[in-house]
Amino acid sequence: MRAFITIDGKFTDEFDYGRIHPTILYADKGIVLDEDAYDIGIGEEHRDIVKQSFNAMVQAKSRLTTPPKDIDWKSTGIKWKELRQLILDKHEPIKDSFFCGMGNKLQFRDSQLAEQIILRFAKQDLPVLPVHDSFIIIRGLYSELVNVMREEFEKMFGVPINIDDSAKASQVSFAPENVDVDWIISETDKYRNWTDRNPL
């Protein structure tokens, strides 16, 4: 759906920090995270599960001896205890950040970062739309957005951040005046039955 957003009738690009929470946790230790935080050696196809597990472990106030119900950890083919330990082994430098309930604090800090980025562009009368740890901006201002994201991160957390160009979301080209909203919804699985669930 976000691929169809326009600003002042112009196409947009979206850019994602990627792995923002582990990056912040490493920055707190003065370390630049220069690798995939969610690659623990069990296959790229399980990356989302590792990410969900990492976030759950940061959010939790106990060691999560029982796996979270909303994570499909069984599809990895290993036990929850093993998955949890692989994440801990991967992130030895920030091991004290797990199981202490700091997830909400991290969300607050990344919201402060987003605010600074938005304010930088607001001073230039340029709107930026934040979506979690990504930002949508008028197409053509991509380089400026990435530079501001880097500058504000280093200013706030004290270390540079590596931003992978592949994090740029793919967008579609279309004529804004001819957009068929019903078609967009029907062609997007996530929103396919939205109107049925939310009658006007």
Foldseek 3Di string as FASTA:
>chain_A
DVLLDDDPQFGKWKFFQAPQLVQLLCLLVVDADDDHLQCLPLDPVCSVLSVVQVLCFLQAQANCPDPDPPRPVVVSVDDPVVSSVSSCVSPVVRNVSTNRRCNVVSQVVLVVLVVQLQVVVVVVVFGWDDDRRMIMGGPPCVVVSVVSSQVSCCVSRVDGYDGDPVRIDDHDDDRSVPDDVLVVQCVDVVRNCVCVVPPD
